[in-house]
Amino acid sequence: MNNICFIYDQYKDLFVKPCISKYRIDGDFLILMSYNLEIIYLSNISKNIYMLIKDGIYIKDLFQKIFDEYDVKENVLKSDILDFIRDMQSKDFVTLEVRNS
């Protein structure tokens, strides 16, 4: 098992949910405003990922939805999802919870 798979296995059962006060789709972009009034713009795949997160989702379910839709290697997708969630979490746009699935 490589490092990404090990790390992903630690995260896959966590529930990720948004921490935003507003969002708006503006053409190809998704504009997000956090509760601390920070604004970011997401395009393309980032916008699609966030739209899956907007109602809350388990990371393993997020992975499966994206994996089913796009032609991507499993380890690459796991790494990209973890990077995206960590980045969004560090900016206070998502939070992770332990829930019973």
Protein backbone atom coordinates (compact mmCIF):
# COMPACT_ATOMS: atom_id res chain seq x y z
CA MET A 1 0.00 0.00 0.00
CA ASN A 2 1.44 3.37 -0.94
CA ASN A 3 1.34 6.50 1.24
CA ILE A 4 -1.64 8.05 -0.57
CA CYS A 5 -3.74 4.93 -0.06
CA PHE A 6 -2.77 4.81 3.60
CA ILE A 7 -3.65 8.47 4.16
CA TYR A 8 -6.85 8.17 2.11
CA ASP A 9 -7.91 5.19 4.26
CA GLN A 10 -7.60 7.44 7.32
CA TYR A 11 -9.91 10.06 5.76
CA LYS A 12 -12.42 8.06 3.70
CA ASP A 13 -14.99 7.65 6.48
CA LEU A 14 -14.98 11.32 7.44
CA PHE A 15 -17.91 13.53 6.51
CA VAL A 16 -16.94 16.73 4.72
CA LYS A 17 -19.32 19.67 4.76
CA PRO A 18 -19.14 23.29 3.64
CA CYS A 19 -18.46 26.26 5.90
CA ILE A 20 -19.64 29.03 3.65
CA SER A 21 -22.04 31.87 4.07
CA LYS A 22 -22.73 32.31 0.34
CA TYR A 23 -21.95 30.81 -3.02
CA ARG A 24 -22.76 31.83 -6.56
CA ILE A 25 -22.15 30.26 -9.93
CA ASP A 26 -20.90 32.88 -12.36
CA GLY A 27 -20.39 31.27 -15.77
CA ASP A 28 -17.55 28.77 -15.46
CA PHE A 29 -16.67 29.91 -11.94
CA LEU A 30 -18.03 29.16 -8.49
CA ILE A 31 -17.59 32.06 -6.10
CA LEU A 32 -17.48 31.14 -2.41
CA MET A 33 -17.59 33.40 0.62
CA SER A 34 -16.60 31.95 3.97
CA TYR A 35 -18.06 32.98 7.31
CA ASN A 36 -14.96 35.13 7.88
CA LEU A 37 -15.77 36.94 4.57
CA GLU A 38 -12.88 35.44 2.58
CA ILE A 39 -13.76 34.97 -1.09
CA ILE A 40 -12.34 32.41 -3.51
CA TYR A 41 -13.11 31.49 -7.10
CA LEU A 42 -13.21 27.86 -8.22
CA SER A 43 -13.23 26.71 -11.82
CA ASN A 44 -13.71 23.44 -13.68
CA ILE A 45 -13.15 20.31 -11.59
CA SER A 46 -12.80 22.26 -8.33
CA LYS A 47 -16.24 23.74 -8.90
CA ASN A 48 -17.67 20.27 -9.60
CA ILE A 49 -16.08 18.81 -6.47
CA TYR A 50 -17.38 21.63 -4.31
CA MET A 51 -20.89 21.24 -5.69
CA LEU A 52 -20.78 17.61 -4.54
CA ILE A 53 -19.65 18.77 -1.09
CA LYS A 54 -22.21 21.58 -0.73
CA ASP A 55 -24.79 19.33 0.96
CA GLY A 56 -22.19 17.32 2.88
CA ILE A 57 -20.77 13.97 1.80
CA TYR A 58 -18.51 11.21 3.04
CA ILE A 59 -15.09 11.35 1.43
CA LYS A 60 -15.43 7.76 0.16
CA ASP A 61 -18.73 8.70 -1.55
CA LEU A 62 -17.15 11.82 -3.04
CA PHE A 63 -14.34 9.68 -4.41
CA GLN A 64 -16.78 7.18 -5.94
CA LYS A 65 -18.91 9.83 -7.63
CA ILE A 66 -15.89 11.47 -9.23
CA PHE A 67 -14.26 8.14 -10.11
CA ASP A 68 -17.45 7.00 -11.86
CA GLU A 69 -17.68 10.21 -13.90
CA TYR A 70 -14.07 10.86 -14.94
CA ASP A 71 -11.37 8.75 -16.53
CA VAL A 72 -8.72 9.06 -13.82
CA LYS A 73 -6.35 6.72 -12.01
CA GLU A 74 -7.52 5.75 -8.55
CA ASN A 75 -4.39 6.92 -6.70
CA VAL A 76 -4.29 10.21 -8.59
CA LEU A 77 -7.91 10.92 -7.66
CA LYS A 78 -7.34 10.00 -4.02
CA SER A 79 -4.39 12.37 -3.88
CA ASP A 80 -6.30 15.16 -5.64
CA ILE A 81 -9.30 14.83 -3.32
CA LEU A 82 -7.10 14.91 -0.22
CA ASP A 83 -5.22 17.94 -1.54
CA PHE A 84 -8.45 19.74 -2.36
CA ILE A 85 -10.03 19.02 1.02
CA ARG A 86 -6.91 20.02 2.94
CA ASP A 87 -6.65 23.25 0.97
CA MET A 88 -10.32 24.10 1.48
CA GLN A 89 -10.11 23.15 5.15
CA SER A 90 -7.06 25.36 5.71
CA LYS A 91 -9.05 28.29 4.28
CA ASP A 92 -12.09 27.45 6.45
CA PHE A 93 -14.33 26.58 3.49
CA VAL A 94 -14.97 22.99 4.62
CA THR A 95 -14.87 21.05 7.83
CA LEU A 96 -14.49 17.34 8.56
CA GLU A 97 -16.62 15.37 10.99
CA VAL A 98 -16.68 11.86 12.33
CA ARG A 99 -20.16 10.42 11.75
CA ASN A 100 -21.65 6.99 11.76
CA SER A 101 -22.05 6.02 8.11
